[in-house]
Every structure is written in C-alpha cells, then in structure tokens.
Amino acid sequence: MKKAFYTIFTFVIIIIIWYKLSLTANPLFIPNPLVVFKDFKILISDGTIFIHLLYTFRRIMIATCLSGIIALPLGLLVRNSKIAKATIYPIIMLLRYIPVTAFYPLLIMWVGIGEEMKIAFLFIATFVYMLPSVVLALEEVNEELIETGLTIGMNKFQIITRIQLPSTLPSILNSFVMMVGIGWTYCAVVETINAKYGLGYIIHQATARGKTDLVFMSIIVIMIVSFVFDNLCKFIIRHVFKWRYVNDNNR
C-alpha cells in the first residue's frame, strides 16, 4: 500500500512540474497536460484510440509469438548439442549487438512496405534479445538435476520436458513479456511507412504536423498499456509458478 502511495505521489509531482513548465514553454516543445488529456478524451469517446491500439498490439504480439516459437527450440538445440553450441551459440551472443534499425530499409527492399515488413521488423527486434535470453535461462538449469535424470534412465527428450522446460519456463515467459515491451518501443519506427493505424502512426503524423500534444498522448498511452500488460503478465506468471517465487514472497 505504501509503495503504491509513493508511486502515485511521484506521478503527481511529475505532472505538476510538467504543467508548470508548459505555462512558460512553447507548446510545440512542451504541450499543456490538460490539452493532452483533452486529446485523449476525444480519441476515447469516438473509439479511435482503441483501433490504433489494436493494430499496434496485434503487430507486436504476432512478431513476439513468432520470435518465441523459433527461439525456444533453437535455444534447446544449442543447450543440448555440443556441435550447435560450438557453431550457433557465438552467433546468438553476437545478435545482441545488431543495430536493429539498420534492417528497416533492407526489409522494405526485401518484402515491401505492407504488414509483412512491419511484423518482420518487430520479429527481428524481439528475436535478437529473445534467443540469447532463452539460452541463458537454459544454461542456469542445475547440472546436477540433469545428471540425476540421466542416472535414473531419462533420455534426451525426457530431460528437456521434465527438467529443462519446467525449470526455465518462468524465466522464458518473463523474457517473452520483456520482448513485448521491446516491441512497444519500436512501434514508433515500424509504423512510419504505409501505416493507416497504430500508435506509432499517430506519433509520426502528429510530429509532421507539429501536434506535439498528440505525440505526448501517444507516448503516455504506450507507457500505460505497457505497464499494465507487463504487471498483469508477471502477476499471472507468479501465480501459476508459485514454487518459483516462494522465497521472494517470504521476504
């Protein structure tokens, strides 16, 4: 309860400071929070904000799900194959240093400017972090558990399904939630070309027209939705995998 109070208090202070600054600054640089709130009310009342939110959320979820579907088996392969670990693992670790935005013009040339390009870009943006996260989670599995499984006669498939996946699933799901957050950070990039809907599209169009209030509004919506989604998913993960967080709950 006290933590929630401090959080709300901090946000109130930030809004007050924002309001005070907006009174003396050019609205092109710092819009009045009351104007931003008015824009938000208008877009909610006519349902426009929900359409834009749905388009952005759908793109992010499709890309992130594809990222997870490919990263999990590839991570298991690297963890359980010496050859894959020697050949693929170094490349996986290098993925984290890829400048993702460099793929944007390349994807336009390769797949055009439609939905495929947007999803492909978001897939790359999440995959380069998802795959190393999966591998690192699998590396943290206690080696003694695997040796015990082999001792009692488990085969490779049983080791994966009964030891590795159950042990790492909470961490992998948390990584998935984090990748969704990364997808939100890139929506302003991917929705700048040939997009009719999306929060990134609003940011791009509002910036071009000097409507900074709409830019602020879109950024705030992204922050709120990301915060709610992140905490809701983490609550579900902690509830489903209670055994993983017993020590945290007892602190």
C-alpha atoms as a PDB file:
ATOM      1  CA  MET A   1       0.000   0.000   0.000  1.00  0.00           C
ATOM      2  CA  LYS A   2       2.823   2.355   0.931  1.00  0.00           C
ATOM      3  CA  LYS A   3       4.644   1.507  -2.325  1.00  0.00           C
ATOM      4  CA  ALA A   4       1.532   2.386  -4.358  1.00  0.00           C
ATOM      5  CA  PHE A   5       1.214   5.684  -2.487  1.00  0.00           C
ATOM      6  CA  TYR A   6       4.806   6.658  -3.271  1.00  0.00           C
ATOM      7  CA  THR A   7       4.329   5.715  -6.923  1.00  0.00           C
ATOM      8  CA  ILE A   8       1.173   7.812  -7.269  1.00  0.00           C
ATOM      9  CA  PHE A   9       2.805  10.678  -5.381  1.00  0.00           C
ATOM     10  CA  THR A  10       5.773  10.617  -7.783  1.00  0.00           C
ATOM     11  CA  PHE A  11       3.498  10.723 -10.830  1.00  0.00           C
ATOM     12  CA  VAL A  12       1.545  13.643  -9.353  1.00  0.00           C
ATOM     13  CA  ILE A  13       4.786  15.586  -8.804  1.00  0.00           C
ATOM     14  CA  ILE A  14       5.882  14.884 -12.396  1.00  0.00           C
ATOM     15  CA  ILE A  15       2.547  16.097 -13.781  1.00  0.00           C
ATOM     16  CA  ILE A  16       2.706  19.271 -11.656  1.00  0.00           C
ATOM     17  CA  ILE A  17       6.239  20.009 -12.900  1.00  0.00           C
ATOM     18  CA  TRP A  18       5.119  19.288 -16.473  1.00  0.00           C
ATOM     19  CA  TYR A  19       2.178  21.669 -16.086  1.00  0.00           C
ATOM     20  CA  LYS A  20       4.362  24.445 -14.636  1.00  0.00           C
ATOM     21  CA  LEU A  21       6.876  24.107 -17.464  1.00  0.00           C
ATOM     22  CA  SER A  22       4.134  24.126 -20.119  1.00  0.00           C
ATOM     23  CA  LEU A  23       2.935  27.538 -18.895  1.00  0.00           C
ATOM     24  CA  THR A  24       6.219  29.197 -19.838  1.00  0.00           C
ATOM     25  CA  ALA A  25       7.419  26.993 -22.726  1.00  0.00           C
ATOM     26  CA  ASN A  26       6.398  26.956 -26.357  1.00  0.00           C
ATOM     27  CA  PRO A  27       3.567  24.374 -26.739  1.00  0.00           C
ATOM     28  CA  LEU A  28       5.416  22.987 -29.758  1.00  0.00           C
ATOM     29  CA  PHE A  29       8.054  21.704 -27.331  1.00  0.00           C
ATOM     30  CA  ILE A  30       6.100  21.126 -24.113  1.00  0.00           C
ATOM     31  CA  PRO A  31       2.318  20.896 -24.536  1.00  0.00           C
ATOM     32  CA  ASN A  32      -0.046  21.587 -21.653  1.00  0.00           C
ATOM     33  CA  PRO A  33      -1.044  18.310 -19.930  1.00  0.00           C
ATOM     34  CA  LEU A  34      -4.675  19.491 -19.936  1.00  0.00           C
ATOM     35  CA  VAL A  35      -4.564  19.684 -23.748  1.00  0.00           C
ATOM     36  CA  VAL A  36      -3.018  16.212 -23.895  1.00  0.00           C
ATOM     37  CA  PHE A  37      -5.763  14.877 -21.633  1.00  0.00           C
ATOM     38  CA  LYS A  38      -8.396  16.563 -23.818  1.00  0.00           C
ATOM     39  CA  ASP A  39      -6.978  14.808 -26.906  1.00  0.00           C
ATOM     40  CA  PHE A  40      -7.098  11.528 -25.023  1.00  0.00           C
ATOM     41  CA  LYS A  41     -10.760  12.050 -24.073  1.00  0.00           C
ATOM     42  CA  ILE A  42     -11.700  12.850 -27.684  1.00  0.00           C
ATOM     43  CA  LEU A  43      -9.956   9.759 -29.079  1.00  0.00           C
ATOM     44  CA  ILE A  44     -11.539   7.562 -26.400  1.00  0.00           C
ATOM     45  CA  SER A  45     -15.038   8.967 -26.937  1.00  0.00           C
ATOM     46  CA  ASP A  46     -15.007   8.208 -30.675  1.00  0.00           C
ATOM     47  CA  GLY A  47     -13.155   4.889 -30.227  1.00  0.00           C
ATOM     48  CA  THR A  48     -10.238   5.921 -32.448  1.00  0.00           C
ATOM     49  CA  ILE A  49      -7.576   5.231 -29.827  1.00  0.00           C
ATOM     50  CA  PHE A  50      -8.740   1.631 -29.441  1.00  0.00           C
ATOM     51  CA  ILE A  51      -8.430   0.979 -33.189  1.00  0.00           C
ATOM     52  CA  HIS A  52      -4.876   2.337 -33.246  1.00  0.00           C
ATOM     53  CA  LEU A  53      -4.023   0.413 -30.076  1.00  0.00           C
ATOM     54  CA  LEU A  54      -5.417  -2.834 -31.521  1.00  0.00           C
ATOM     55  CA  TYR A  55      -3.351  -2.557 -34.714  1.00  0.00           C
ATOM     56  CA  THR A  56      -0.120  -1.886 -32.826  1.00  0.00           C
ATOM     57  CA  PHE A  57      -0.782  -4.594 -30.237  1.00  0.00           C
ATOM     58  CA  ARG A  58      -1.598  -7.164 -32.933  1.00  0.00           C
ATOM     59  CA  ARG A  59       1.630  -6.460 -34.833  1.00  0.00           C
ATOM     60  CA  ILE A  60       3.708  -6.720 -31.678  1.00  0.00           C
ATOM     61  CA  MET A  61       2.073  -9.942 -30.464  1.00  0.00           C
ATOM     62  CA  ILE A  62       2.353 -11.717 -33.829  1.00  0.00           C
ATOM     63  CA  ALA A  63       6.040 -10.797 -34.092  1.00  0.00           C
ATOM     64  CA  THR A  64       6.816 -11.690 -30.466  1.00  0.00           C
ATOM     65  CA  CYS A  65       4.986 -15.028 -30.659  1.00  0.00           C
ATOM     66  CA  LEU A  66       6.940 -15.928 -33.806  1.00  0.00           C
ATOM     67  CA  SER A  67      10.108 -14.919 -32.001  1.00  0.00           C
ATOM     68  CA  GLY A  68       9.287 -17.191 -29.062  1.00  0.00           C
ATOM     69  CA  ILE A  69       8.228 -20.123 -31.259  1.00  0.00           C
ATOM     70  CA  ILE A  70      11.579 -20.065 -33.069  1.00  0.00           C
ATOM     71  CA  ALA A  71      13.808 -19.077 -30.135  1.00  0.00           C
ATOM     72  CA  LEU A  72      12.677 -21.858 -27.773  1.00  0.00           C
ATOM     73  CA  PRO A  73      13.534 -24.928 -29.908  1.00  0.00           C
ATOM     74  CA  LEU A  74      16.701 -23.247 -31.197  1.00  0.00           C
ATOM     75  CA  GLY A  75      17.760 -22.476 -27.633  1.00  0.00           C
ATOM     76  CA  LEU A  76      17.106 -26.085 -26.606  1.00  0.00           C
ATOM     77  CA  LEU A  77      19.190 -27.270 -29.556  1.00  0.00           C
ATOM     78  CA  VAL A  78      22.109 -25.084 -28.527  1.00  0.00           C
ATOM     79  CA  ARG A  79      21.850 -26.214 -24.893  1.00  0.00           C
ATOM     80  CA  ASN A  80      21.719 -29.934 -25.700  1.00  0.00           C
ATOM     81  CA  SER A  81      24.020 -30.215 -28.712  1.00  0.00           C
ATOM     82  CA  LYS A  82      27.763 -29.673 -28.452  1.00  0.00           C
ATOM     83  CA  ILE A  83      28.002 -29.051 -32.188  1.00  0.00           C
ATOM     84  CA  ALA A  84      25.187 -26.465 -32.108  1.00  0.00           C
ATOM     85  CA  LYS A  85      26.764 -24.802 -29.087  1.00  0.00           C
ATOM     86  CA  ALA A  86      30.121 -24.543 -30.833  1.00  0.00           C
ATOM     87  CA  THR A  87      28.704 -23.229 -34.107  1.00  0.00           C
ATOM     88  CA  ILE A  88      25.450 -21.396 -33.352  1.00  0.00           C
ATOM     89  CA  TYR A  89      25.981 -20.082 -29.810  1.00  0.00           C
ATOM     90  CA  PRO A  90      28.679 -17.496 -30.706  1.00  0.00           C
ATOM     91  CA  ILE A  91      26.375 -16.122 -33.408  1.00  0.00           C
ATOM     92  CA  ILE A  92      23.500 -15.969 -30.913  1.00  0.00           C
ATOM     93  CA  MET A  93      25.546 -13.893 -28.496  1.00  0.00           C
ATOM     94  CA  LEU A  94      26.505 -11.517 -31.313  1.00  0.00           C
ATOM     95  CA  LEU A  95      22.819 -10.954 -32.125  1.00  0.00           C
ATOM     96  CA  ARG A  96      22.516  -8.652 -29.121  1.00  0.00           C
ATOM     97  CA  TYR A  97      24.810  -6.128 -30.780  1.00  0.00           C
ATOM     98  CA  ILE A  98      22.925  -5.942 -34.086  1.00  0.00           C
ATOM     99  CA  PRO A  99      21.630  -2.413 -34.878  1.00  0.00           C
ATOM    100  CA  VAL A 100      18.042  -3.463 -35.478  1.00  0.00           C
ATOM    101  CA  THR A 101      17.028  -0.231 -37.211  1.00  0.00           C
ATOM    102  CA  ALA A 102      19.564  -0.994 -39.954  1.00  0.00           C
ATOM    103  CA  PHE A 103      17.196  -3.740 -41.130  1.00  0.00           C
ATOM    104  CA  TYR A 104      14.368  -1.284 -41.750  1.00  0.00           C
ATOM    105  CA  PRO A 105      15.426  -0.124 -45.245  1.00  0.00           C
ATOM    106  CA  LEU A 106      16.568  -3.656 -46.095  1.00  0.00           C
ATOM    107  CA  LEU A 107      13.180  -5.141 -45.184  1.00  0.00           C
ATOM    108  CA  ILE A 108      11.456  -2.537 -47.349  1.00  0.00           C
ATOM    109  CA  MET A 109      13.531  -3.765 -50.287  1.00  0.00           C
ATOM    110  CA  TRP A 110      13.029  -7.432 -49.440  1.00  0.00           C
ATOM    111  CA  VAL A 111       9.325  -7.664 -48.536  1.00  0.00           C
ATOM    112  CA  GLY A 112       7.827  -4.287 -49.466  1.00  0.00           C
ATOM    113  CA  ILE A 113       6.017  -1.790 -47.257  1.00  0.00           C
ATOM    114  CA  GLY A 114       2.998  -3.854 -46.178  1.00  0.00           C
ATOM    115  CA  GLU A 115       2.166  -5.622 -42.923  1.00  0.00           C
ATOM    116  CA  GLU A 116       4.791  -8.287 -43.651  1.00  0.00           C
ATOM    117  CA  MET A 117       7.558  -5.705 -43.361  1.00  0.00           C
ATOM    118  CA  LYS A 118       6.228  -4.349 -40.066  1.00  0.00           C
ATOM    119  CA  ILE A 119       5.907  -7.786 -38.492  1.00  0.00           C
ATOM    120  CA  ALA A 120       9.292  -8.876 -39.878  1.00  0.00           C
ATOM    121  CA  PHE A 121      10.979  -5.825 -38.367  1.00  0.00           C
ATOM    122  CA  LEU A 122       9.339  -6.357 -34.969  1.00  0.00           C
ATOM    123  CA  PHE A 123      10.276 -10.047 -35.179  1.00  0.00           C
ATOM    124  CA  ILE A 124      13.948  -9.173 -35.673  1.00  0.00           C
ATOM    125  CA  ALA A 125      13.772  -6.525 -32.924  1.00  0.00           C
ATOM    126  CA  THR A 126      12.499  -9.091 -30.402  1.00  0.00           C
ATOM    127  CA  PHE A 127      14.288 -12.208 -31.654  1.00  0.00           C
ATOM    128  CA  VAL A 128      17.796 -10.778 -31.236  1.00  0.00           C
ATOM    129  CA  TYR A 129      17.074 -10.485 -27.487  1.00  0.00           C
ATOM    130  CA  MET A 130      14.700 -13.433 -27.037  1.00  0.00           C
ATOM    131  CA  LEU A 131      17.073 -16.118 -28.274  1.00  0.00           C
ATOM    132  CA  PRO A 132      20.030 -15.171 -26.025  1.00  0.00           C
ATOM    133  CA  SER A 133      17.597 -14.907 -23.085  1.00  0.00           C
ATOM    134  CA  VAL A 134      16.308 -18.445 -23.716  1.00  0.00           C
ATOM    135  CA  VAL A 135      19.839 -19.834 -23.979  1.00  0.00           C
ATOM    136  CA  LEU A 136      20.950 -18.070 -20.793  1.00  0.00           C
ATOM    137  CA  ALA A 137      17.875 -19.359 -18.927  1.00  0.00           C
ATOM    138  CA  LEU A 138      18.648 -22.926 -20.030  1.00  0.00           C
ATOM    139  CA  GLU A 139      22.301 -22.508 -19.024  1.00  0.00           C
ATOM    140  CA  GLU A 140      21.152 -21.744 -15.468  1.00  0.00           C
ATOM    141  CA  VAL A 141      19.494 -25.141 -15.020  1.00  0.00           C
ATOM    142  CA  ASN A 142      21.301 -27.023 -12.262  1.00  0.00           C
ATOM    143  CA  GLU A 143      23.619 -29.511 -13.927  1.00  0.00           C
ATOM    144  CA  GLU A 144      23.136 -31.926 -11.021  1.00  0.00           C
ATOM    145  CA  LEU A 145      19.432 -32.223 -11.903  1.00  0.00           C
ATOM    146  CA  ILE A 146      20.313 -33.235 -15.460  1.00  0.00           C
ATOM    147  CA  GLU A 147      22.936 -35.734 -14.244  1.00  0.00           C
ATOM    148  CA  THR A 148      20.392 -37.207 -11.824  1.00  0.00           C
ATOM    149  CA  GLY A 149      17.886 -37.551 -14.666  1.00  0.00           C
ATOM    150  CA  LEU A 150      20.442 -39.361 -16.812  1.00  0.00           C
ATOM    151  CA  THR A 151      21.350 -41.606 -13.877  1.00  0.00           C
ATOM    152  CA  ILE A 152      17.767 -42.822 -13.439  1.00  0.00           C
ATOM    153  CA  GLY A 153      17.494 -43.565 -17.153  1.00  0.00           C
ATOM    154  CA  MET A 154      15.901 -40.461 -18.687  1.00  0.00           C
ATOM    155  CA  ASN A 155      16.501 -39.922 -22.391  1.00  0.00           C
ATOM    156  CA  LYS A 156      17.205 -36.530 -24.010  1.00  0.00           C
ATOM    157  CA  PHE A 157      13.530 -35.834 -24.670  1.00  0.00           C
ATOM    158  CA  GLN A 158      12.597 -36.557 -21.053  1.00  0.00           C
ATOM    159  CA  ILE A 159      15.431 -34.354 -19.791  1.00  0.00           C
ATOM    160  CA  ILE A 160      14.043 -31.492 -21.881  1.00  0.00           C
ATOM    161  CA  THR A 161      10.354 -31.968 -20.996  1.00  0.00           C
ATOM    162  CA  ARG A 162      10.719 -32.943 -17.335  1.00  0.00           C
ATOM    163  CA  ILE A 163      13.737 -30.952 -16.164  1.00  0.00           C
ATOM    164  CA  GLN A 164      14.844 -28.162 -18.500  1.00  0.00           C
ATOM    165  CA  LEU A 165      11.490 -26.738 -19.596  1.00  0.00           C
ATOM    166  CA  PRO A 166       9.768 -26.841 -16.165  1.00  0.00           C
ATOM    167  CA  SER A 167      12.827 -25.229 -14.560  1.00  0.00           C
ATOM    168  CA  THR A 168      13.192 -22.439 -17.088  1.00  0.00           C
ATOM    169  CA  LEU A 169       9.595 -21.761 -18.166  1.00  0.00           C
ATOM    170  CA  PRO A 170       9.049 -18.888 -15.665  1.00  0.00           C
ATOM    171  CA  SER A 171      12.229 -17.147 -16.843  1.00  0.00           C
ATOM    172  CA  ILE A 172      11.400 -17.736 -20.510  1.00  0.00           C
ATOM    173  CA  LEU A 173       7.876 -16.354 -20.063  1.00  0.00           C
ATOM    174  CA  ASN A 174       9.276 -13.300 -18.278  1.00  0.00           C
ATOM    175  CA  SER A 175      11.642 -12.824 -21.212  1.00  0.00           C
ATOM    176  CA  PHE A 176       8.652 -13.070 -23.561  1.00  0.00           C
ATOM    177  CA  VAL A 177       6.875 -10.319 -21.623  1.00  0.00           C
ATOM    178  CA  MET A 178      10.024  -8.208 -21.834  1.00  0.00           C
ATOM    179  CA  MET A 179      10.145  -8.746 -25.610  1.00  0.00           C
ATOM    180  CA  VAL A 180       6.591  -7.422 -25.890  1.00  0.00           C
ATOM    181  CA  GLY A 181       7.847  -4.309 -24.113  1.00  0.00           C
ATOM    182  CA  ILE A 182      10.678  -4.004 -26.627  1.00  0.00           C
ATOM    183  CA  GLY A 183       8.098  -4.299 -29.409  1.00  0.00           C
ATOM    184  CA  TRP A 184       6.269  -1.274 -27.995  1.00  0.00           C
ATOM    185  CA  THR A 185       9.480   0.756 -28.081  1.00  0.00           C
ATOM    186  CA  TYR A 186       9.885   0.057 -31.803  1.00  0.00           C
ATOM    187  CA  CYS A 187       6.286   0.742 -32.857  1.00  0.00           C
ATOM    188  CA  ALA A 188       7.116   4.399 -33.499  1.00  0.00           C
ATOM    189  CA  VAL A 189       9.720   3.214 -36.023  1.00  0.00           C
ATOM    190  CA  VAL A 190       7.841   0.463 -37.803  1.00  0.00           C
ATOM    191  CA  GLU A 191       4.572   2.365 -38.238  1.00  0.00           C
ATOM    192  CA  THR A 192       6.033   5.367 -40.029  1.00  0.00           C
ATOM    193  CA  ILE A 193       5.689   3.943 -43.559  1.00  0.00           C
ATOM    194  CA  ASN A 194       2.459   2.858 -45.236  1.00  0.00           C
ATOM    195  CA  ALA A 195       0.504   2.615 -41.979  1.00  0.00           C
ATOM    196  CA  LYS A 196      -3.053   3.857 -41.611  1.00  0.00           C
ATOM    197  CA  TYR A 197      -3.455   2.821 -37.995  1.00  0.00           C
ATOM    198  CA  GLY A 198      -1.246   2.377 -34.948  1.00  0.00           C
ATOM    199  CA  LEU A 199       0.130   4.457 -32.093  1.00  0.00           C
ATOM    200  CA  GLY A 200       3.402   4.828 -33.972  1.00  0.00           C
ATOM    201  CA  TYR A 201       1.410   6.145 -36.921  1.00  0.00           C
ATOM    202  CA  ILE A 202      -0.167   8.799 -34.672  1.00  0.00           C
ATOM    203  CA  ILE A 203       3.278   9.831 -33.415  1.00  0.00           C
ATOM    204  CA  HIS A 204       4.632  10.084 -36.966  1.00  0.00           C
ATOM    205  CA  GLN A 205       1.675  12.069 -38.327  1.00  0.00           C
ATOM    206  CA  ALA A 206       1.463  14.349 -35.283  1.00  0.00           C
ATOM    207  CA  THR A 207       5.187  15.112 -35.442  1.00  0.00           C
ATOM    208  CA  ALA A 208       4.933  16.020 -39.129  1.00  0.00           C
ATOM    209  CA  ARG A 209       2.055  18.416 -38.364  1.00  0.00           C
ATOM    210  CA  GLY A 210       3.592  19.957 -35.256  1.00  0.00           C
ATOM    211  CA  LYS A 211       0.924  18.430 -32.974  1.00  0.00           C
ATOM    212  CA  THR A 212       3.197  17.724 -30.035  1.00  0.00           C
ATOM    213  CA  ASP A 213       0.220  17.187 -27.738  1.00  0.00           C
ATOM    214  CA  LEU A 214      -0.792  14.116 -29.768  1.00  0.00           C
ATOM    215  CA  VAL A 215       2.792  12.845 -29.647  1.00  0.00           C
ATOM    216  CA  PHE A 216       2.804  13.139 -25.839  1.00  0.00           C
ATOM    217  CA  MET A 217      -0.605  11.497 -25.655  1.00  0.00           C
ATOM    218  CA  SER A 218       0.536   8.515 -27.754  1.00  0.00           C
ATOM    219  CA  ILE A 219       3.699   8.090 -25.705  1.00  0.00           C
ATOM    220  CA  ILE A 220       1.680   8.144 -22.470  1.00  0.00           C
ATOM    221  CA  VAL A 221      -0.776   5.565 -23.856  1.00  0.00           C
ATOM    222  CA  ILE A 222       2.130   3.294 -24.821  1.00  0.00           C
ATOM    223  CA  MET A 223       3.612   3.663 -21.334  1.00  0.00           C
ATOM    224  CA  ILE A 224       0.289   2.911 -19.606  1.00  0.00           C
ATOM    225  CA  VAL A 225      -0.570  -0.095 -21.785  1.00  0.00           C
ATOM    226  CA  SER A 226       2.964  -1.496 -21.473  1.00  0.00           C
ATOM    227  CA  PHE A 227       2.911  -1.029 -17.698  1.00  0.00           C
ATOM    228  CA  VAL A 228      -0.478  -2.735 -17.292  1.00  0.00           C
ATOM    229  CA  PHE A 229       0.397  -5.603 -19.654  1.00  0.00           C
ATOM    230  CA  ASP A 230       3.781  -6.145 -18.028  1.00  0.00           C
ATOM    231  CA  ASN A 231       2.458  -6.234 -14.469  1.00  0.00           C
ATOM    232  CA  LEU A 232      -0.590  -8.339 -15.366  1.00  0.00           C
ATOM    233  CA  CYS A 233       1.556 -10.951 -17.105  1.00  0.00           C
ATOM    234  CA  LYS A 234       4.064 -11.018 -14.264  1.00  0.00           C
ATOM    235  CA  PHE A 235       1.229 -11.446 -11.760  1.00  0.00           C
ATOM    236  CA  ILE A 236      -0.116 -14.409 -13.758  1.00  0.00           C
ATOM    237  CA  ILE A 237       3.363 -15.954 -14.051  1.00  0.00           C
ATOM    238  CA  ARG A 238       3.975 -15.596 -10.318  1.00  0.00           C
ATOM    239  CA  HIS A 239       0.551 -17.110  -9.604  1.00  0.00           C
ATOM    240  CA  VAL A 240       0.974 -20.084 -11.969  1.00  0.00           C
ATOM    241  CA  PHE A 241       4.580 -20.794 -10.936  1.00  0.00           C
ATOM    242  CA  LYS A 242       4.236 -20.174  -7.196  1.00  0.00           C
ATOM    243  CA  TRP A 243       7.014 -22.633  -6.418  1.00  0.00           C
ATOM    244  CA  ARG A 244       9.489 -20.439  -8.314  1.00  0.00           C
ATOM    245  CA  TYR A 245       8.756 -17.353  -6.192  1.00  0.00           C
ATOM    246  CA  VAL A 246       8.305 -18.882  -2.723  1.00  0.00           C
ATOM    247  CA  ASN A 247      11.468 -17.278  -1.358  1.00  0.00           C
ATOM    248  CA  ASP A 248      10.533 -13.867  -2.814  1.00  0.00           C
ATOM    249  CA  ASN A 249       7.093 -13.997  -1.200  1.00  0.00           C
ATOM    250  CA  ASN A 250       8.568 -14.848   2.201  1.00  0.00           C
ATOM    251  CA  ARG A 251      10.857 -11.809   2.243  1.00  0.00           C
END
